[in-house]
Amino acid sequence: MVEPLPEAFASWVDRMAAADLRDLALVLARSGTDTGERVSLDEVLATFGHSRESLAAIPDDE
């Protein structure tokens, strides 16, 4: 019988998966819209409806 993961570990796994998905979204946005011209981080964030300020306002998970 497999025992469930401890809550702290399960929470850590969830946070890592979310961080990986955010990184993947940025990579896909940059590669999927590659026109040969540089795209700034601010332009990518705007595509997702964010700005540097809106991301900074999101509390960090501890």
N, C-alpha and C. Protein backbone atom coordinates (compact mmCIF):
# COMPACT_ATOMS: atom_id res chain seq x y z
N MET A 1 0.84 -1.18 0.00
CA MET A 1 0.00 0.00 0.00
C MET A 1 0.88 1.25 0.00
N VAL A 2 0.56 2.19 -0.85
CA VAL A 2 1.33 3.43 -0.95
C VAL A 2 0.75 4.45 0.02
N GLU A 3 1.62 5.02 0.84
CA GLU A 3 1.17 6.03 1.79
C GLU A 3 1.12 7.40 1.11
N PRO A 4 0.18 8.26 1.52
CA PRO A 4 0.11 9.60 0.92
C PRO A 4 1.34 10.42 1.26
N LEU A 5 1.63 11.38 0.39
CA LEU A 5 2.77 12.27 0.63
C LEU A 5 2.50 13.16 1.83
N PRO A 6 3.53 13.46 2.61
CA PRO A 6 3.33 14.42 3.69
C PRO A 6 2.84 15.75 3.12
N GLU A 7 1.99 16.45 3.85
CA GLU A 7 1.39 17.69 3.37
C GLU A 7 2.44 18.71 2.93
N ALA A 8 3.50 18.88 3.70
CA ALA A 8 4.54 19.86 3.35
C ALA A 8 5.19 19.52 2.01
N PHE A 9 5.45 18.24 1.78
CA PHE A 9 6.08 17.83 0.53
C PHE A 9 5.11 18.01 -0.64
N ALA A 10 3.86 17.66 -0.44
CA ALA A 10 2.85 17.82 -1.49
C ALA A 10 2.70 19.28 -1.86
N SER A 11 2.72 20.16 -0.86
CA SER A 11 2.63 21.60 -1.10
C SER A 11 3.84 22.08 -1.90
N TRP A 12 5.01 21.59 -1.57
CA TRP A 12 6.24 21.97 -2.28
C TRP A 12 6.16 21.52 -3.74
N VAL A 13 5.68 20.31 -3.96
CA VAL A 13 5.54 19.79 -5.33
C VAL A 13 4.59 20.69 -6.13
N ASP A 14 3.47 21.08 -5.52
CA ASP A 14 2.51 21.96 -6.19
C ASP A 14 3.15 23.29 -6.56
N ARG A 15 3.93 23.88 -5.66
CA ARG A 15 4.59 25.16 -5.94
C ARG A 15 5.60 25.03 -7.06
N MET A 16 6.37 23.94 -7.07
CA MET A 16 7.36 23.74 -8.12
C MET A 16 6.68 23.55 -9.47
N ALA A 17 5.58 22.82 -9.51
CA ALA A 17 4.86 22.62 -10.77
C ALA A 17 4.32 23.94 -11.29
N ALA A 18 3.79 24.78 -10.40
CA ALA A 18 3.28 26.09 -10.81
C ALA A 18 4.40 26.96 -11.35
N ALA A 19 5.56 26.95 -10.69
CA ALA A 19 6.70 27.74 -11.16
C ALA A 19 7.15 27.26 -12.52
N ASP A 20 7.20 25.94 -12.72
CA ASP A 20 7.60 25.39 -14.02
C ASP A 20 6.61 25.79 -15.10
N LEU A 21 5.32 25.81 -14.78
CA LEU A 21 4.32 26.20 -15.77
C LEU A 21 4.46 27.66 -16.16
N ARG A 22 4.77 28.53 -15.19
CA ARG A 22 4.99 29.94 -15.51
C ARG A 22 6.19 30.09 -16.43
N ASP A 23 7.27 29.40 -16.11
CA ASP A 23 8.47 29.46 -16.95
C ASP A 23 8.16 28.95 -18.35
N LEU A 24 7.43 27.85 -18.43
CA LEU A 24 7.06 27.28 -19.73
C LEU A 24 6.21 28.26 -20.53
N ALA A 25 5.27 28.93 -19.86
CA ALA A 25 4.41 29.89 -20.56
C ALA A 25 5.24 31.02 -21.17
N LEU A 26 6.24 31.51 -20.44
CA LEU A 26 7.09 32.57 -20.97
C LEU A 26 7.91 32.08 -22.16
N VAL A 27 8.46 30.89 -22.05
CA VAL A 27 9.25 30.33 -23.15
C VAL A 27 8.38 30.13 -24.39
N LEU A 28 7.18 29.58 -24.19
CA LEU A 28 6.29 29.36 -25.33
C LEU A 28 5.85 30.67 -25.97
N ALA A 29 5.59 31.67 -25.14
CA ALA A 29 5.18 32.97 -25.69
C ALA A 29 6.29 33.56 -26.53
N ARG A 30 7.51 33.44 -26.05
CA ARG A 30 8.63 34.00 -26.81
C ARG A 30 8.91 33.19 -28.07
N SER A 31 8.89 31.88 -27.98
CA SER A 31 9.21 31.07 -29.15
C SER A 31 8.04 31.02 -30.13
N GLY A 32 6.83 31.02 -29.64
CA GLY A 32 5.66 30.94 -30.50
C GLY A 32 5.40 32.21 -31.28
N THR A 33 5.95 33.31 -30.83
CA THR A 33 5.73 34.59 -31.52
C THR A 33 7.03 35.09 -32.13
N ASP A 34 7.97 34.20 -32.32
CA ASP A 34 9.28 34.60 -32.83
C ASP A 34 9.15 35.06 -34.29
N THR A 35 9.42 36.32 -34.50
CA THR A 35 9.38 36.89 -35.85
C THR A 35 10.79 37.25 -36.32
N GLY A 36 11.77 36.87 -35.52
CA GLY A 36 13.14 37.25 -35.83
C GLY A 36 13.53 38.55 -35.15
N GLU A 37 12.55 39.22 -34.56
CA GLU A 37 12.83 40.45 -33.82
C GLU A 37 12.78 40.14 -32.33
N ARG A 38 13.56 40.88 -31.58
CA ARG A 38 13.58 40.70 -30.13
C ARG A 38 12.24 41.14 -29.55
N VAL A 39 11.76 40.38 -28.58
CA VAL A 39 10.52 40.72 -27.87
C VAL A 39 10.91 40.94 -26.42
N SER A 40 10.51 42.07 -25.88
CA SER A 40 10.89 42.37 -24.49
C SER A 40 10.03 41.59 -23.51
N LEU A 41 10.54 41.44 -22.33
CA LEU A 41 9.79 40.79 -21.26
C LEU A 41 8.48 41.54 -21.01
N ASP A 42 8.53 42.86 -21.08
CA ASP A 42 7.33 43.67 -20.85
C ASP A 42 6.25 43.36 -21.89
N GLU A 43 6.64 43.13 -23.14
CA GLU A 43 5.67 42.79 -24.18
C GLU A 43 5.06 41.41 -23.93
N VAL A 44 5.88 40.47 -23.49
CA VAL A 44 5.38 39.13 -23.19
C VAL A 44 4.41 39.20 -22.01
N LEU A 45 4.78 39.94 -20.98
CA LEU A 45 3.89 40.08 -19.81
C LEU A 45 2.57 40.71 -20.22
N ALA A 46 2.61 41.71 -21.07
CA ALA A 46 1.39 42.37 -21.53
C ALA A 46 0.49 41.39 -22.28
N THR A 47 1.08 40.48 -23.03
CA THR A 47 0.32 39.46 -23.74
C THR A 47 -0.51 38.63 -22.77
N PHE A 48 0.03 38.40 -21.58
CA PHE A 48 -0.65 37.63 -20.55
C PHE A 48 -1.45 38.51 -19.60
N GLY A 49 -1.52 39.81 -19.91
CA GLY A 49 -2.31 40.71 -19.07
C GLY A 49 -1.61 41.12 -17.79
N HIS A 50 -0.29 41.10 -17.79
CA HIS A 50 0.47 41.47 -16.61
C HIS A 50 1.49 42.55 -16.93
N SER A 51 2.04 43.10 -15.88
CA SER A 51 3.17 44.02 -15.98
C SER A 51 4.16 43.62 -14.89
N ARG A 52 5.33 44.21 -14.91
CA ARG A 52 6.30 43.91 -13.85
C ARG A 52 5.71 44.24 -12.49
N GLU A 53 4.95 45.34 -12.44
CA GLU A 53 4.35 45.77 -11.18
C GLU A 53 3.29 44.78 -10.70
N SER A 54 2.47 44.27 -11.64
CA SER A 54 1.43 43.33 -11.22
C SER A 54 2.05 42.01 -10.74
N LEU A 55 3.15 41.60 -11.35
CA LEU A 55 3.82 40.39 -10.87
C LEU A 55 4.47 40.62 -9.51
N ALA A 56 5.04 41.80 -9.31
CA ALA A 56 5.68 42.10 -8.03
C ALA A 56 4.65 42.15 -6.90
N ALA A 57 3.39 42.45 -7.23
CA ALA A 57 2.36 42.55 -6.22
C ALA A 57 1.84 41.18 -5.79
N ILE A 58 2.17 40.13 -6.53
CA ILE A 58 1.73 38.78 -6.18
C ILE A 58 2.61 38.29 -5.03
N PRO A 59 2.01 37.87 -3.91
CA PRO A 59 2.82 37.41 -2.78
C PRO A 59 3.59 36.14 -3.11
N ASP A 60 4.81 36.06 -2.62
CA ASP A 60 5.63 34.87 -2.80
C ASP A 60 5.13 33.77 -1.86
N ASP A 61 5.15 32.54 -2.33
CA ASP A 61 4.84 31.41 -1.46
C ASP A 61 6.05 31.13 -0.60
N GLU A 62 5.81 30.83 0.63
CA GLU A 62 6.93 30.51 1.52
C GLU A 62 6.93 29.06 1.87
